[in-house]
Amino acid sequence: MNIHEDLRREEVTKPAKGVLFGNGFRLTPLSERDTQFTEKCISSAESSSTALLATTELFRVVRALLTNPNEDYAKLCRKAILDGVGVLSLPQLQDAEKHNQVEQMTSEDA
């Protein structure tokens, strides 16, 4: 079922978040890969609030979470996908650790 079909259902009141995963150069070494999405794809994604996520980005995050389980980092990544439009760069693991430190300092001040 696609986003438009889903929206036609009675119980659905707003469109689902569109996410397109790109793996266009899967047989090419990472260092030699070009952008996964064409300009037309990027433009269309931006006008429809769709997130574009290269599988290399997803792999990096999954590998980080498998070697260092971190719920704060997982939440930041999910939020980046849900809020993102166009080509996404997911947070680094250090971003979650900094975010958590700021939240702890803020809650201590309260």
PDB file of N, CA and C in Angstrom:
ATOM      1  N   MET A   1       0.851  -1.168   0.000  1.00  0.00           N
ATOM      2  CA  MET A   1       0.000   0.000   0.000  1.00  0.00           C
ATOM      3  C   MET A   1       0.901   1.236   0.000  1.00  0.00           C
ATOM      4  N   ASN A   2       0.600   2.203  -0.861  1.00  0.00           N
ATOM      5  CA  ASN A   2       1.401   3.418  -0.860  1.00  0.00           C
ATOM      6  C   ASN A   2       0.730   4.507  -0.018  1.00  0.00           C
ATOM      7  N   ILE A   3       1.387   5.641   0.118  1.00  0.00           N
ATOM      8  CA  ILE A   3       0.907   6.729   0.973  1.00  0.00           C
ATOM      9  C   ILE A   3      -0.478   7.201   0.550  1.00  0.00           C
ATOM     10  N   HIS A   4      -0.699   7.329  -0.752  1.00  0.00           N
ATOM     11  CA  HIS A   4      -1.986   7.837  -1.247  1.00  0.00           C
ATOM     12  C   HIS A   4      -3.112   6.839  -1.003  1.00  0.00           C
ATOM     13  N   GLU A   5      -2.836   5.567  -1.190  1.00  0.00           N
ATOM     14  CA  GLU A   5      -3.844   4.538  -0.904  1.00  0.00           C
ATOM     15  C   GLU A   5      -4.174   4.520   0.583  1.00  0.00           C
ATOM     16  N   ASP A   6      -3.164   4.657   1.403  1.00  0.00           N
ATOM     17  CA  ASP A   6      -3.362   4.664   2.848  1.00  0.00           C
ATOM     18  C   ASP A   6      -4.262   5.826   3.263  1.00  0.00           C
ATOM     19  N   LEU A   7      -4.045   6.993   2.679  1.00  0.00           N
ATOM     20  CA  LEU A   7      -4.812   8.186   3.030  1.00  0.00           C
ATOM     21  C   LEU A   7      -6.285   8.060   2.644  1.00  0.00           C
ATOM     22  N   ARG A   8      -6.595   7.244   1.661  1.00  0.00           N
ATOM     23  CA  ARG A   8      -7.993   7.051   1.251  1.00  0.00           C
ATOM     24  C   ARG A   8      -8.803   6.268   2.281  1.00  0.00           C
ATOM     25  N   ARG A   9      -8.147   5.583   3.181  1.00  0.00           N
ATOM     26  CA  ARG A   9      -8.858   4.811   4.204  1.00  0.00           C
ATOM     27  C   ARG A   9      -9.543   5.761   5.183  1.00  0.00           C
ATOM     28  N   GLU A  10     -10.752   5.421   5.609  1.00  0.00           N
ATOM     29  CA  GLU A  10     -11.556   6.255   6.507  1.00  0.00           C
ATOM     30  C   GLU A  10     -10.823   6.637   7.787  1.00  0.00           C
ATOM     31  N   GLU A  11     -10.168   5.678   8.406  1.00  0.00           N
ATOM     32  CA  GLU A  11      -9.567   5.911   9.720  1.00  0.00           C
ATOM     33  C   GLU A  11      -8.269   6.716   9.662  1.00  0.00           C
ATOM     34  N   VAL A  12      -7.750   6.957   8.472  1.00  0.00           N
ATOM     35  CA  VAL A  12      -6.503   7.711   8.317  1.00  0.00           C
ATOM     36  C   VAL A  12      -6.840   9.172   8.059  1.00  0.00           C
ATOM     37  N   THR A  13      -6.296  10.067   8.893  1.00  0.00           N
ATOM     38  CA  THR A  13      -6.636  11.489   8.789  1.00  0.00           C
ATOM     39  C   THR A  13      -5.533  12.351   8.184  1.00  0.00           C
ATOM     40  N   LYS A  14      -4.319  11.836   8.133  1.00  0.00           N
ATOM     41  CA  LYS A  14      -3.236  12.598   7.503  1.00  0.00           C
ATOM     42  C   LYS A  14      -2.280  11.632   6.823  1.00  0.00           C
ATOM     43  N   PRO A  15      -1.553  12.109   5.814  1.00  0.00           N
ATOM     44  CA  PRO A  15      -0.651  11.213   5.081  1.00  0.00           C
ATOM     45  C   PRO A  15       0.470  10.676   5.971  1.00  0.00           C
ATOM     46  N   ALA A  16       0.884   9.465   5.681  1.00  0.00           N
ATOM     47  CA  ALA A  16       2.028   8.865   6.375  1.00  0.00           C
ATOM     48  C   ALA A  16       3.307   9.558   5.915  1.00  0.00           C
ATOM     49  N   LYS A  17       4.342   9.433   6.691  1.00  0.00           N
ATOM     50  CA  LYS A  17       5.645   9.988   6.334  1.00  0.00           C
ATOM     51  C   LYS A  17       6.271   9.117   5.251  1.00  0.00           C
ATOM     52  N   GLY A  18       6.637   9.717   4.143  1.00  0.00           N
ATOM     53  CA  GLY A  18       7.299   8.982   3.077  1.00  0.00           C
ATOM     54  C   GLY A  18       8.801   8.932   3.299  1.00  0.00           C
ATOM     55  N   VAL A  19       9.380   7.753   3.152  1.00  0.00           N
ATOM     56  CA  VAL A  19      10.830   7.584   3.259  1.00  0.00           C
ATOM     57  C   VAL A  19      11.272   6.702   2.098  1.00  0.00           C
ATOM     58  N   LEU A  20      12.218   7.193   1.310  1.00  0.00           N
ATOM     59  CA  LEU A  20      12.772   6.425   0.202  1.00  0.00           C
ATOM     60  C   LEU A  20      14.208   6.059   0.563  1.00  0.00           C
ATOM     61  N   PHE A  21      14.493   4.761   0.569  1.00  0.00           N
ATOM     62  CA  PHE A  21      15.840   4.279   0.863  1.00  0.00           C
ATOM     63  C   PHE A  21      16.576   4.077  -0.451  1.00  0.00           C
ATOM     64  N   GLY A  22      17.738   4.704  -0.583  1.00  0.00           N
ATOM     65  CA  GLY A  22      18.511   4.612  -1.816  1.00  0.00           C
ATOM     66  C   GLY A  22      19.722   3.713  -1.670  1.00  0.00           C
ATOM     67  N   ASN A  23      19.853   2.778  -2.614  1.00  0.00           N
ATOM     68  CA  ASN A  23      20.999   1.870  -2.635  1.00  0.00           C
ATOM     69  C   ASN A  23      21.423   1.677  -4.088  1.00  0.00           C
ATOM     70  N   GLY A  24      21.522   2.787  -4.794  1.00  0.00           N
ATOM     71  CA  GLY A  24      21.747   2.753  -6.229  1.00  0.00           C
ATOM     72  C   GLY A  24      23.099   2.237  -6.682  1.00  0.00           C
ATOM     73  N   PHE A  25      24.085   2.290  -5.833  1.00  0.00           N
ATOM     74  CA  PHE A  25      25.435   1.899  -6.231  1.00  0.00           C
ATOM     75  C   PHE A  25      25.948   0.767  -5.348  1.00  0.00           C
ATOM     76  N   ARG A  26      25.113  -0.213  -5.104  1.00  0.00           N
ATOM     77  CA  ARG A  26      25.449  -1.258  -4.136  1.00  0.00           C
ATOM     78  C   ARG A  26      26.682  -2.067  -4.526  1.00  0.00           C
ATOM     79  N   LEU A  27      27.016  -2.111  -5.812  1.00  0.00           N
ATOM     80  CA  LEU A  27      28.182  -2.882  -6.252  1.00  0.00           C
ATOM     81  C   LEU A  27      29.442  -2.023  -6.375  1.00  0.00           C
ATOM     82  N   THR A  28      29.318  -0.736  -6.058  1.00  0.00           N
ATOM     83  CA  THR A  28      30.440   0.194  -6.146  1.00  0.00           C
ATOM     84  C   THR A  28      31.015   0.417  -4.744  1.00  0.00           C
ATOM     85  N   PRO A  29      32.338   0.434  -4.605  1.00  0.00           N
ATOM     86  CA  PRO A  29      32.927   0.697  -3.283  1.00  0.00           C
ATOM     87  C   PRO A  29      32.414   2.020  -2.700  1.00  0.00           C
ATOM     88  N   LEU A  30      32.262   2.071  -1.389  1.00  0.00           N
ATOM     89  CA  LEU A  30      31.728   3.267  -0.721  1.00  0.00           C
ATOM     90  C   LEU A  30      32.461   4.540  -1.117  1.00  0.00           C
ATOM     91  N   SER A  31      33.771   4.462  -1.194  1.00  0.00           N
ATOM     92  CA  SER A  31      34.566   5.655  -1.496  1.00  0.00           C
ATOM     93  C   SER A  31      34.336   6.183  -2.910  1.00  0.00           C
ATOM     94  N   GLU A  32      33.768   5.366  -3.781  1.00  0.00           N
ATOM     95  CA  GLU A  32      33.551   5.768  -5.172  1.00  0.00           C
ATOM     96  C   GLU A  32      32.094   6.096  -5.483  1.00  0.00           C
ATOM     97  N   ARG A  33      31.221   5.993  -4.512  1.00  0.00           N
ATOM     98  CA  ARG A  33      29.793   6.207  -4.763  1.00  0.00           C
ATOM     99  C   ARG A  33      29.462   7.682  -4.906  1.00  0.00           C
ATOM    100  N   ASP A  34      28.578   7.946  -5.846  1.00  0.00           N
ATOM    101  CA  ASP A  34      28.048   9.288  -6.063  1.00  0.00           C
ATOM    102  C   ASP A  34      26.786   9.432  -5.221  1.00  0.00           C
ATOM    103  N   THR A  35      26.131  10.576  -5.303  1.00  0.00           N
ATOM    104  CA  THR A  35      24.883  10.765  -4.573  1.00  0.00           C
ATOM    105  C   THR A  35      23.863   9.715  -5.015  1.00  0.00           C
ATOM    106  N   GLN A  36      23.088   9.222  -4.080  1.00  0.00           N
ATOM    107  CA  GLN A  36      22.135   8.142  -4.350  1.00  0.00           C
ATOM    108  C   GLN A  36      20.874   8.625  -5.063  1.00  0.00           C
ATOM    109  N   PHE A  37      20.633   9.925  -5.075  1.00  0.00           N
ATOM    110  CA  PHE A  37      19.366  10.445  -5.566  1.00  0.00           C
ATOM    111  C   PHE A  37      19.590  11.507  -6.640  1.00  0.00           C
ATOM    112  N   THR A  38      18.772  11.473  -7.678  1.00  0.00           N
ATOM    113  CA  THR A  38      18.861  12.465  -8.748  1.00  0.00           C
ATOM    114  C   THR A  38      18.296  13.797  -8.266  1.00  0.00           C
ATOM    115  N   GLU A  39      18.613  14.858  -8.982  1.00  0.00           N
ATOM    116  CA  GLU A  39      18.069  16.183  -8.650  1.00  0.00           C
ATOM    117  C   GLU A  39      16.545  16.163  -8.706  1.00  0.00           C
ATOM    118  N   LYS A  40      15.984  15.454  -9.683  1.00  0.00           N
ATOM    119  CA  LYS A  40      14.528  15.361  -9.808  1.00  0.00           C
ATOM    120  C   LYS A  40      13.933  14.656  -8.590  1.00  0.00           C
ATOM    121  N   CYS A  41      14.574  13.607  -8.134  1.00  0.00           N
ATOM    122  CA  CYS A  41      14.111  12.875  -6.954  1.00  0.00           C
ATOM    123  C   CYS A  41      14.182  13.769  -5.714  1.00  0.00           C
ATOM    124  N   ILE A  42      15.261  14.498  -5.569  1.00  0.00           N
ATOM    125  CA  ILE A  42      15.436  15.391  -4.420  1.00  0.00           C
ATOM    126  C   ILE A  42      14.381  16.490  -4.435  1.00  0.00           C
ATOM    127  N   SER A  43      14.166  17.092  -5.588  1.00  0.00           N
ATOM    128  CA  SER A  43      13.164  18.147  -5.722  1.00  0.00           C
ATOM    129  C   SER A  43      11.767  17.636  -5.393  1.00  0.00           C
ATOM    130  N   SER A  44      11.435  16.469  -5.897  1.00  0.00           N
ATOM    131  CA  SER A  44      10.130  15.864  -5.632  1.00  0.00           C
ATOM    132  C   SER A  44       9.970  15.537  -4.147  1.00  0.00           C
ATOM    133  N   ALA A  45      11.021  15.017  -3.542  1.00  0.00           N
ATOM    134  CA  ALA A  45      10.976  14.677  -2.115  1.00  0.00           C
ATOM    135  C   ALA A  45      10.755  15.926  -1.271  1.00  0.00           C
ATOM    136  N   GLU A  46      11.428  17.003  -1.628  1.00  0.00           N
ATOM    137  CA  GLU A  46      11.278  18.241  -0.869  1.00  0.00           C
ATOM    138  C   GLU A  46       9.866  18.798  -0.984  1.00  0.00           C
ATOM    139  N   SER A  47       9.260  18.684  -2.162  1.00  0.00           N
ATOM    140  CA  SER A  47       7.902  19.216  -2.329  1.00  0.00           C
ATOM    141  C   SER A  47       6.840  18.328  -1.695  1.00  0.00           C
ATOM    142  N   SER A  48       7.161  17.070  -1.430  1.00  0.00           N
ATOM    143  CA  SER A  48       6.184  16.154  -0.832  1.00  0.00           C
ATOM    144  C   SER A  48       6.539  15.774   0.610  1.00  0.00           C
ATOM    145  N   SER A  49       7.518  16.460   1.189  1.00  0.00           N
ATOM    146  CA  SER A  49       7.968  16.204   2.570  1.00  0.00           C
ATOM    147  C   SER A  49       8.439  14.768   2.785  1.00  0.00           C
ATOM    148  N   THR A  50       9.059  14.208   1.759  1.00  0.00           N
ATOM    149  CA  THR A  50       9.577  12.842   1.824  1.00  0.00           C
ATOM    150  C   THR A  50      11.044  12.860   2.248  1.00  0.00           C
ATOM    151  N   ALA A  51      11.418  11.915   3.074  1.00  0.00           N
ATOM    152  CA  ALA A  51      12.810  11.770   3.496  1.00  0.00           C
ATOM    153  C   ALA A  51      13.528  10.832   2.536  1.00  0.00           C
ATOM    154  N   LEU A  52      14.751  11.170   2.186  1.00  0.00           N
ATOM    155  CA  LEU A  52      15.594  10.332   1.332  1.00  0.00           C
ATOM    156  C   LEU A  52      16.778   9.861   2.174  1.00  0.00           C
ATOM    157  N   LEU A  53      16.921   8.558   2.283  1.00  0.00           N
ATOM    158  CA  LEU A  53      17.954   8.008   3.157  1.00  0.00           C
ATOM    159  C   LEU A  53      18.786   6.981   2.408  1.00  0.00           C
ATOM    160  N   ALA A  54      20.070   7.283   2.256  1.00  0.00           N
ATOM    161  CA  ALA A  54      20.983   6.328   1.627  1.00  0.00           C
ATOM    162  C   ALA A  54      21.193   5.159   2.584  1.00  0.00           C
ATOM    163  N   THR A  55      21.259   3.969   2.035  1.00  0.00           N
ATOM    164  CA  THR A  55      21.434   2.791   2.889  1.00  0.00           C
ATOM    165  C   THR A  55      22.779   2.822   3.616  1.00  0.00           C
ATOM    166  N   THR A  56      23.750   3.555   3.088  1.00  0.00           N
ATOM    167  CA  THR A  56      25.032   3.679   3.784  1.00  0.00           C
ATOM    168  C   THR A  56      24.850   4.415   5.110  1.00  0.00           C
ATOM    169  N   GLU A  57      23.964   5.420   5.133  1.00  0.00           N
ATOM    170  CA  GLU A  57      23.647   6.133   6.380  1.00  0.00           C
ATOM    171  C   GLU A  57      22.971   5.194   7.366  1.00  0.00           C
ATOM    172  N   LEU A  58      22.009   4.442   6.870  1.00  0.00           N
ATOM    173  CA  LEU A  58      21.285   3.500   7.721  1.00  0.00           C
ATOM    174  C   LEU A  58      22.243   2.438   8.277  1.00  0.00           C
ATOM    175  N   PHE A  59      23.127   1.934   7.439  1.00  0.00           N
ATOM    176  CA  PHE A  59      24.100   0.924   7.867  1.00  0.00           C
ATOM    177  C   PHE A  59      24.998   1.464   8.978  1.00  0.00           C
ATOM    178  N   ARG A  60      25.453   2.703   8.809  1.00  0.00           N
ATOM    179  CA  ARG A  60      26.330   3.323   9.812  1.00  0.00           C
ATOM    180  C   ARG A  60      25.640   3.370  11.178  1.00  0.00           C
ATOM    181  N   VAL A  61      24.369   3.762  11.179  1.00  0.00           N
ATOM    182  CA  VAL A  61      23.617   3.870  12.431  1.00  0.00           C
ATOM    183  C   VAL A  61      23.375   2.492  13.047  1.00  0.00           C
ATOM    184  N   VAL A  62      22.959   1.541  12.227  1.00  0.00           N
ATOM    185  CA  VAL A  62      22.693   0.189  12.739  1.00  0.00           C
ATOM    186  C   VAL A  62      23.966  -0.409  13.326  1.00  0.00           C
ATOM    187  N   ARG A  63      25.075  -0.247  12.626  1.00  0.00           N
ATOM    188  CA  ARG A  63      26.348  -0.776  13.130  1.00  0.00           C
ATOM    189  C   ARG A  63      26.714  -0.126  14.464  1.00  0.00           C
ATOM    190  N   ALA A  64      26.521   1.186  14.569  1.00  0.00           N
ATOM    191  CA  ALA A  64      26.823   1.885  15.824  1.00  0.00           C
ATOM    192  C   ALA A  64      25.940   1.381  16.960  1.00  0.00           C
ATOM    193  N   LEU A  65      24.661   1.167  16.668  1.00  0.00           N
ATOM    194  CA  LEU A  65      23.741   0.704  17.711  1.00  0.00           C
ATOM    195  C   LEU A  65      23.989  -0.750  18.108  1.00  0.00           C
ATOM    196  N   LEU A  66      24.444  -1.563  17.174  1.00  0.00           N
ATOM    197  CA  LEU A  66      24.748  -2.956  17.511  1.00  0.00           C
ATOM    198  C   LEU A  66      25.996  -3.063  18.384  1.00  0.00           C
ATOM    199  N   THR A  67      26.972  -2.194  18.143  1.00  0.00           N
ATOM    200  CA  THR A  67      28.206  -2.250  18.925  1.00  0.00           C
ATOM    201  C   THR A  67      28.102  -1.454  20.223  1.00  0.00           C
ATOM    202  N   ASN A  68      27.193  -0.479  20.255  1.00  0.00           N
ATOM    203  CA  ASN A  68      27.040   0.364  21.438  1.00  0.00           C
ATOM    204  C   ASN A  68      25.565   0.722  21.603  1.00  0.00           C
ATOM    205  N   PRO A  69      24.747  -0.193  22.128  1.00  0.00           N
ATOM    206  CA  PRO A  69      23.314   0.096  22.282  1.00  0.00           C
ATOM    207  C   PRO A  69      23.099   1.386  23.076  1.00  0.00           C
ATOM    208  N   ASN A  70      22.290   2.286  22.508  1.00  0.00           N
ATOM    209  CA  ASN A  70      22.087   3.598  23.120  1.00  0.00           C
ATOM    210  C   ASN A  70      20.697   4.086  22.731  1.00  0.00           C
ATOM    211  N   GLU A  71      19.762   4.025  23.656  1.00  0.00           N
ATOM    212  CA  GLU A  71      18.374   4.395  23.356  1.00  0.00           C
ATOM    213  C   GLU A  71      18.239   5.867  22.972  1.00  0.00           C
ATOM    214  N   ASP A  72      19.035   6.745  23.585  1.00  0.00           N
ATOM    215  CA  ASP A  72      18.984   8.167  23.226  1.00  0.00           C
ATOM    216  C   ASP A  72      19.387   8.372  21.769  1.00  0.00           C
ATOM    217  N   TYR A  73      20.420   7.670  21.357  1.00  0.00           N
ATOM    218  CA  TYR A  73      20.871   7.767  19.963  1.00  0.00           C
ATOM    219  C   TYR A  73      19.815   7.219  19.013  1.00  0.00           C
ATOM    220  N   ALA A  74      19.220   6.092  19.354  1.00  0.00           N
ATOM    221  CA  ALA A  74      18.164   5.513  18.517  1.00  0.00           C
ATOM    222  C   ALA A  74      16.998   6.488  18.376  1.00  0.00           C
ATOM    223  N   LYS A  75      16.624   7.147  19.472  1.00  0.00           N
ATOM    224  CA  LYS A  75      15.531   8.132  19.429  1.00  0.00           C
ATOM    225  C   LYS A  75      15.888   9.311  18.531  1.00  0.00           C
ATOM    226  N   LEU A  76      17.125   9.807  18.649  1.00  0.00           N
ATOM    227  CA  LEU A  76      17.562  10.921  17.796  1.00  0.00           C
ATOM    228  C   LEU A  76      17.498  10.545  16.318  1.00  0.00           C
ATOM    229  N   CYS A  77      17.890   9.330  15.997  1.00  0.00           N
ATOM    230  CA  CYS A  77      17.868   8.874  14.604  1.00  0.00           C
ATOM    231  C   CYS A  77      16.435   8.738  14.096  1.00  0.00           C
ATOM    232  N   ARG A  78      15.549   8.160  14.906  1.00  0.00           N
ATOM    233  CA  ARG A  78      14.141   8.048  14.500  1.00  0.00           C
ATOM    234  C   ARG A  78      13.539   9.430  14.286  1.00  0.00           C
ATOM    235  N   LYS A  79      13.839  10.361  15.180  1.00  0.00           N
ATOM    236  CA  LYS A  79      13.322  11.726  15.051  1.00  0.00           C
ATOM    237  C   LYS A  79      13.848  12.385  13.779  1.00  0.00           C
ATOM    238  N   ALA A  80      15.117  12.173  13.474  1.00  0.00           N
ATOM    239  CA  ALA A  80      15.701  12.748  12.257  1.00  0.00           C
ATOM    240  C   ALA A  80      14.982  12.235  11.013  1.00  0.00           C
ATOM    241  N   ILE A  81      14.612  10.962  11.010  1.00  0.00           N
ATOM    242  CA  ILE A  81      13.893  10.392   9.866  1.00  0.00           C
ATOM    243  C   ILE A  81      12.473  10.941   9.807  1.00  0.00           C
ATOM    244  N   LEU A  82      11.791  10.980  10.939  1.00  0.00           N
ATOM    245  CA  LEU A  82      10.404  11.457  10.956  1.00  0.00           C
ATOM    246  C   LEU A  82      10.289  12.943  10.634  1.00  0.00           C
ATOM    247  N   ASP A  83      11.256  13.737  11.070  1.00  0.00           N
ATOM    248  CA  ASP A  83      11.211  15.183  10.846  1.00  0.00           C
ATOM    249  C   ASP A  83      11.898  15.611   9.556  1.00  0.00           C
ATOM    250  N   GLY A  84      12.750  14.757   9.007  1.00  0.00           N
ATOM    251  CA  GLY A  84      13.571  15.135   7.869  1.00  0.00           C
ATOM    252  C   GLY A  84      12.825  15.184   6.551  1.00  0.00           C
ATOM    253  N   VAL A  85      13.316  16.052   5.676  1.00  0.00           N
ATOM    254  CA  VAL A  85      12.794  16.192   4.318  1.00  0.00           C
ATOM    255  C   VAL A  85      13.990  16.278   3.380  1.00  0.00           C
ATOM    256  N   GLY A  86      13.917  15.586   2.259  1.00  0.00           N
ATOM    257  CA  GLY A  86      15.029  15.573   1.323  1.00  0.00           C
ATOM    258  C   GLY A  86      16.105  14.598   1.783  1.00  0.00           C
ATOM    259  N   VAL A  87      17.320  14.793   1.299  1.00  0.00           N
ATOM    260  CA  VAL A  87      18.428  13.887   1.623  1.00  0.00           C
ATOM    261  C   VAL A  87      18.810  14.060   3.093  1.00  0.00           C
ATOM    262  N   LEU A  88      18.807  12.961   3.823  1.00  0.00           N
ATOM    263  CA  LEU A  88      19.085  12.999   5.258  1.00  0.00           C
ATOM    264  C   LEU A  88      20.517  12.605   5.579  1.00  0.00           C
ATOM    265  N   SER A  89      21.041  13.238   6.606  1.00  0.00           N
ATOM    266  CA  SER A  89      22.269  12.806   7.268  1.00  0.00           C
ATOM    267  C   SER A  89      21.860  12.526   8.698  1.00  0.00           C
ATOM    268  N   LEU A  90      21.957  11.287   9.107  1.00  0.00           N
ATOM    269  CA  LEU A  90      21.538  10.916  10.455  1.00  0.00           C
ATOM    270  C   LEU A  90      22.589  11.344  11.469  1.00  0.00           C
ATOM    271  N   PRO A  91      22.158  11.553  12.724  1.00  0.00           N
ATOM    272  CA  PRO A  91      23.099  12.005  13.758  1.00  0.00           C
ATOM    273  C   PRO A  91      24.234  11.010  13.983  1.00  0.00           C
ATOM    274  N   GLN A  92      25.324  11.530  14.493  1.00  0.00           N
ATOM    275  CA  GLN A  92      26.439  10.699  14.928  1.00  0.00           C
ATOM    276  C   GLN A  92      26.163  10.262  16.365  1.00  0.00           C
ATOM    277  N   LEU A  93      26.757   9.187  16.804  1.00  0.00           N
ATOM    278  CA  LEU A  93      26.565   8.692  18.165  1.00  0.00           C
ATOM    279  C   LEU A  93      26.963   9.750  19.191  1.00  0.00           C
ATOM    280  N   GLN A  94      28.009  10.512  18.926  1.00  0.00           N
ATOM    281  CA  GLN A  94      28.450  11.560  19.846  1.00  0.00           C
ATOM    282  C   GLN A  94      27.364  12.610  20.042  1.00  0.00           C
ATOM    283  N   ASP A  95      26.534  12.867  19.006  1.00  0.00           N
ATOM    284  CA  ASP A  95      25.448  13.841  19.118  1.00  0.00           C
ATOM    285  C   ASP A  95      24.475  13.430  20.213  1.00  0.00           C
ATOM    286  N   ALA A  96      24.186  12.149  20.313  1.00  0.00           N
ATOM    287  CA  ALA A  96      23.264  11.648  21.338  1.00  0.00           C
ATOM    288  C   ALA A  96      23.876  11.824  22.720  1.00  0.00           C
ATOM    289  N   GLU A  97      25.163  11.568  22.824  1.00  0.00           N
ATOM    290  CA  GLU A  97      25.823  11.703  24.119  1.00  0.00           C
ATOM    291  C   GLU A  97      25.844  13.161  24.565  1.00  0.00           C
ATOM    292  N   LYS A  98      26.096  14.095  23.632  1.00  0.00           N
ATOM    293  CA  LYS A  98      26.068  15.524  23.958  1.00  0.00           C
ATOM    294  C   LYS A  98      24.659  15.957  24.336  1.00  0.00           C
ATOM    295  N   HIS A  99      23.666  15.487  23.570  1.00  0.00           N
ATOM    296  CA  HIS A  99      22.263  15.817  23.827  1.00  0.00           C
ATOM    297  C   HIS A  99      21.866  15.348  25.222  1.00  0.00           C
ATOM    298  N   ASN A 100      22.276  14.160  25.595  1.00  0.00           N
ATOM    299  CA  ASN A 100      21.961  13.595  26.904  1.00  0.00           C
ATOM    300  C   ASN A 100      22.629  14.405  28.015  1.00  0.00           C
ATOM    301  N   GLN A 101      23.871  14.857  27.801  1.00  0.00           N
ATOM    302  CA  GLN A 101      24.567  15.658  28.805  1.00  0.00           C
ATOM    303  C   GLN A 101      23.860  16.990  29.021  1.00  0.00           C
ATOM    304  N   VAL A 102      23.397  17.622  27.940  1.00  0.00           N
ATOM    305  CA  VAL A 102      22.681  18.895  28.039  1.00  0.00           C
ATOM    306  C   VAL A 102      21.376  18.702  28.802  1.00  0.00           C
ATOM    307  N   GLU A 103      20.642  17.620  28.499  1.00  0.00           N
ATOM    308  CA  GLU A 103      19.390  17.347  29.207  1.00  0.00           C
ATOM    309  C   GLU A 103      19.645  17.124  30.694  1.00  0.00           C
ATOM    310  N   GLN A 104      20.715  16.418  31.024  1.00  0.00           N
ATOM    311  CA  GLN A 104      21.033  16.165  32.435  1.00  0.00           C
ATOM    312  C   GLN A 104      21.364  17.469  33.150  1.00  0.00           C
ATOM    313  N   MET A 105      22.137  18.356  32.510  1.00  0.00           N
ATOM    314  CA  MET A 105      22.484  19.634  33.121  1.00  0.00           C
ATOM    315  C   MET A 105      21.232  20.483  33.306  1.00  0.00           C
ATOM    316  N   THR A 106      20.338  20.478  32.324  1.00  0.00           N
ATOM    317  CA  THR A 106      19.108  21.260  32.398  1.00  0.00           C
ATOM    318  C   THR A 106      18.215  20.764  33.522  1.00  0.00           C
ATOM    319  N   SER A 107      18.087  19.452  33.668  1.00  0.00           N
ATOM    320  CA  SER A 107      17.232  18.904  34.724  1.00  0.00           C
ATOM    321  C   SER A 107      17.836  19.137  36.108  1.00  0.00           C
ATOM    322  N   GLU A 108      19.156  19.225  36.203  1.00  0.00           N
ATOM    323  CA  GLU A 108      19.799  19.507  37.485  1.00  0.00           C
ATOM    324  C   GLU A 108      19.560  20.952  37.902  1.00  0.00           C
ATOM    325  N   ASP A 109      19.446  21.861  36.918  1.00  0.00           N
ATOM    326  CA  ASP A 109      19.210  23.276  37.203  1.00  0.00           C
ATOM    327  C   ASP A 109      17.773  23.538  37.644  1.00  0.00           C
ATOM    328  N   ALA A 110      16.867  22.637  37.272  1.00  0.00           N
ATOM    329  CA  ALA A 110      15.440  22.869  37.561  1.00  0.00           C
ATOM    330  C   ALA A 110      15.094  22.655  39.009  1.00  0.00           C
TER     331      ALA A 110
END
